[in-house]
């Protein structure tokens, strides 16, 4: 099965996620709002485009690590999926 072609913006996001020098996280707030972002090497957070990140996750291109849960939010480390593993996510996140 071949993977669908990525838009230029989605390819840039996937490139950022693959670069593990700046970790990428998904934060799901208690109200259901999702924020994808990365931490720059100088410690500043940078938001990533939600639409592209959601599409990469739904297509199985990125995977989520173990959740870190507190009362207000749940945070997941985001990584690129292993090469050769392509499947559509069966369900999406709920908070």
C-alpha atoms as a PDB file:
ATOM      1  CA  UNK A   1       0.000   0.000   0.000  1.00  0.00           C
ATOM      2  CA  UNK A   2       1.398   3.403  -0.935  1.00  0.00           C
ATOM      3  CA  UNK A   3       1.086   6.433   1.247  1.00  0.00           C
ATOM      4  CA  UNK A   4      -0.828   9.416  -0.068  1.00  0.00           C
ATOM      5  CA  UNK A   5       1.318  12.410  -0.997  1.00  0.00           C
ATOM      6  CA  UNK A   6       1.716  15.031   1.689  1.00  0.00           C
ATOM      7  CA  UNK A   7       1.093  18.708   1.176  1.00  0.00           C
ATOM      8  CA  UNK A   8       4.176  20.890   1.468  1.00  0.00           C
ATOM      9  CA  UNK A   9       2.999  22.161   4.857  1.00  0.00           C
ATOM     10  CA  UNK A  10       2.331  18.633   6.192  1.00  0.00           C
ATOM     11  CA  UNK A  11       5.751  17.503   4.933  1.00  0.00           C
ATOM     12  CA  UNK A  12       7.368  20.403   6.821  1.00  0.00           C
ATOM     13  CA  UNK A  13       5.512  19.413   9.996  1.00  0.00           C
ATOM     14  CA  UNK A  14       6.562  15.776   9.612  1.00  0.00           C
ATOM     15  CA  UNK A  15      10.168  16.911   9.113  1.00  0.00           C
ATOM     16  CA  UNK A  16       9.983  18.874  12.383  1.00  0.00           C
ATOM     17  CA  UNK A  17       8.551  15.866  14.222  1.00  0.00           C
ATOM     18  CA  UNK A  18      11.252  13.593  12.822  1.00  0.00           C
ATOM     19  CA  UNK A  19      13.947  15.991  14.110  1.00  0.00           C
ATOM     20  CA  UNK A  20      14.126  14.814  17.712  1.00  0.00           C
ATOM     21  CA  UNK A  21      16.387  17.664  18.844  1.00  0.00           C
ATOM     22  CA  UNK A  22      13.260  19.772  19.384  1.00  0.00           C
ATOM     23  CA  UNK A  23      10.592  17.567  21.015  1.00  0.00           C
ATOM     24  CA  UNK A  24       7.005  17.762  19.771  1.00  0.00           C
ATOM     25  CA  UNK A  25       3.999  17.347  22.057  1.00  0.00           C
ATOM     26  CA  UNK A  26       0.235  17.169  21.814  1.00  0.00           C
ATOM     27  CA  UNK A  27      -1.662  18.749  24.689  1.00  0.00           C
ATOM     28  CA  UNK A  28      -5.345  17.853  25.038  1.00  0.00           C
ATOM     29  CA  UNK A  29      -7.072  20.230  27.438  1.00  0.00           C
ATOM     30  CA  UNK A  30      -9.982  19.194  29.675  1.00  0.00           C
ATOM     31  CA  UNK A  31     -12.408  21.064  27.382  1.00  0.00           C
ATOM     32  CA  UNK A  32     -11.243  18.951  24.390  1.00  0.00           C
ATOM     33  CA  UNK A  33      -9.081  21.610  22.736  1.00  0.00           C
ATOM     34  CA  UNK A  34      -5.939  20.135  21.167  1.00  0.00           C
ATOM     35  CA  UNK A  35      -2.644  21.987  20.781  1.00  0.00           C
ATOM     36  CA  UNK A  36       0.267  20.545  18.849  1.00  0.00           C
ATOM     37  CA  UNK A  37       3.605  22.204  19.496  1.00  0.00           C
ATOM     38  CA  UNK A  38       7.331  21.845  19.815  1.00  0.00           C
ATOM     39  CA  UNK A  39       9.966  23.216  22.169  1.00  0.00           C
ATOM     40  CA  UNK A  40      12.805  25.076  20.529  1.00  0.00           C
ATOM     41  CA  UNK A  41      16.342  24.572  21.761  1.00  0.00           C
ATOM     42  CA  UNK A  42      16.176  27.944  23.554  1.00  0.00           C
ATOM     43  CA  UNK A  43      13.176  26.730  25.596  1.00  0.00           C
ATOM     44  CA  UNK A  44      10.454  28.611  23.724  1.00  0.00           C
ATOM     45  CA  UNK A  45       7.279  26.784  22.673  1.00  0.00           C
ATOM     46  CA  UNK A  46       6.087  27.022  19.063  1.00  0.00           C
ATOM     47  CA  UNK A  47       2.603  25.971  17.927  1.00  0.00           C
ATOM     48  CA  UNK A  48       2.230  23.607  14.974  1.00  0.00           C
ATOM     49  CA  UNK A  49      -0.744  23.684  12.580  1.00  0.00           C
ATOM     50  CA  UNK A  50      -3.543  21.596  14.074  1.00  0.00           C
ATOM     51  CA  UNK A  51      -5.090  20.546  10.752  1.00  0.00           C
ATOM     52  CA  UNK A  52      -1.849  19.083   9.379  1.00  0.00           C
ATOM     53  CA  UNK A  53      -0.930  17.379  12.663  1.00  0.00           C
ATOM     54  CA  UNK A  54      -4.419  15.854  12.979  1.00  0.00           C
ATOM     55  CA  UNK A  55      -4.180  14.567   9.397  1.00  0.00           C
ATOM     56  CA  UNK A  56      -0.713  13.061   9.980  1.00  0.00           C
ATOM     57  CA  UNK A  57      -1.976  11.325  13.117  1.00  0.00           C
ATOM     58  CA  UNK A  58      -5.131  10.014  11.413  1.00  0.00           C
ATOM     59  CA  UNK A  59      -3.008   8.672   8.534  1.00  0.00           C
ATOM     60  CA  UNK A  60      -0.707   6.834  10.942  1.00  0.00           C
ATOM     61  CA  UNK A  61       2.323   8.955  10.020  1.00  0.00           C
ATOM     62  CA  UNK A  62       2.875  10.046  13.633  1.00  0.00           C
ATOM     63  CA  UNK A  63       2.308   8.230  16.907  1.00  0.00           C
ATOM     64  CA  UNK A  64       1.698   9.360  20.462  1.00  0.00           C
ATOM     65  CA  UNK A  65       3.699   8.312  23.473  1.00  0.00           C
ATOM     66  CA  UNK A  66       2.398   7.540  26.946  1.00  0.00           C
ATOM     67  CA  UNK A  67       0.099  10.227  28.376  1.00  0.00           C
ATOM     68  CA  UNK A  68       1.072  12.524  31.218  1.00  0.00           C
ATOM     69  CA  UNK A  69      -2.210  13.445  32.912  1.00  0.00           C
ATOM     70  CA  UNK A  70      -3.111  16.244  35.301  1.00  0.00           C
ATOM     71  CA  UNK A  71      -6.444  17.842  36.171  1.00  0.00           C
ATOM     72  CA  UNK A  72      -6.435  20.385  33.349  1.00  0.00           C
ATOM     73  CA  UNK A  73      -4.767  18.541  30.482  1.00  0.00           C
ATOM     74  CA  UNK A  74      -3.163  15.420  29.073  1.00  0.00           C
ATOM     75  CA  UNK A  75       0.167  15.686  27.266  1.00  0.00           C
ATOM     76  CA  UNK A  76       1.618  13.185  24.781  1.00  0.00           C
ATOM     77  CA  UNK A  77       5.083  13.069  23.235  1.00  0.00           C
ATOM     78  CA  UNK A  78       4.767  12.881  19.434  1.00  0.00           C
ATOM     79  CA  UNK A  79       7.075  10.811  17.234  1.00  0.00           C
ATOM     80  CA  UNK A  80       7.153   9.832  13.587  1.00  0.00           C
ATOM     81  CA  UNK A  81       5.750   6.357  12.948  1.00  0.00           C
ATOM     82  CA  UNK A  82       8.262   3.631  12.136  1.00  0.00           C
ATOM     83  CA  UNK A  83       8.941   3.257   8.443  1.00  0.00           C
ATOM     84  CA  UNK A  84       6.841   0.642   6.742  1.00  0.00           C
ATOM     85  CA  UNK A  85       3.983   0.912   9.229  1.00  0.00           C
ATOM     86  CA  UNK A  86       1.035   2.529   7.554  1.00  0.00           C
ATOM     87  CA  UNK A  87      -2.444   2.290   8.882  1.00  0.00           C
ATOM     88  CA  UNK A  88      -5.252   4.665   9.586  1.00  0.00           C
ATOM     89  CA  UNK A  89      -5.892   5.507  13.204  1.00  0.00           C
ATOM     90  CA  UNK A  90      -8.979   3.637  14.337  1.00  0.00           C
ATOM     91  CA  UNK A  91     -10.115   6.366  16.689  1.00  0.00           C
ATOM     92  CA  UNK A  92      -9.079   9.828  17.644  1.00  0.00           C
ATOM     93  CA  UNK A  93      -8.342  11.317  21.012  1.00  0.00           C
ATOM     94  CA  UNK A  94     -10.980  12.137  23.543  1.00  0.00           C
ATOM     95  CA  UNK A  95     -10.338  14.149  26.654  1.00  0.00           C
END
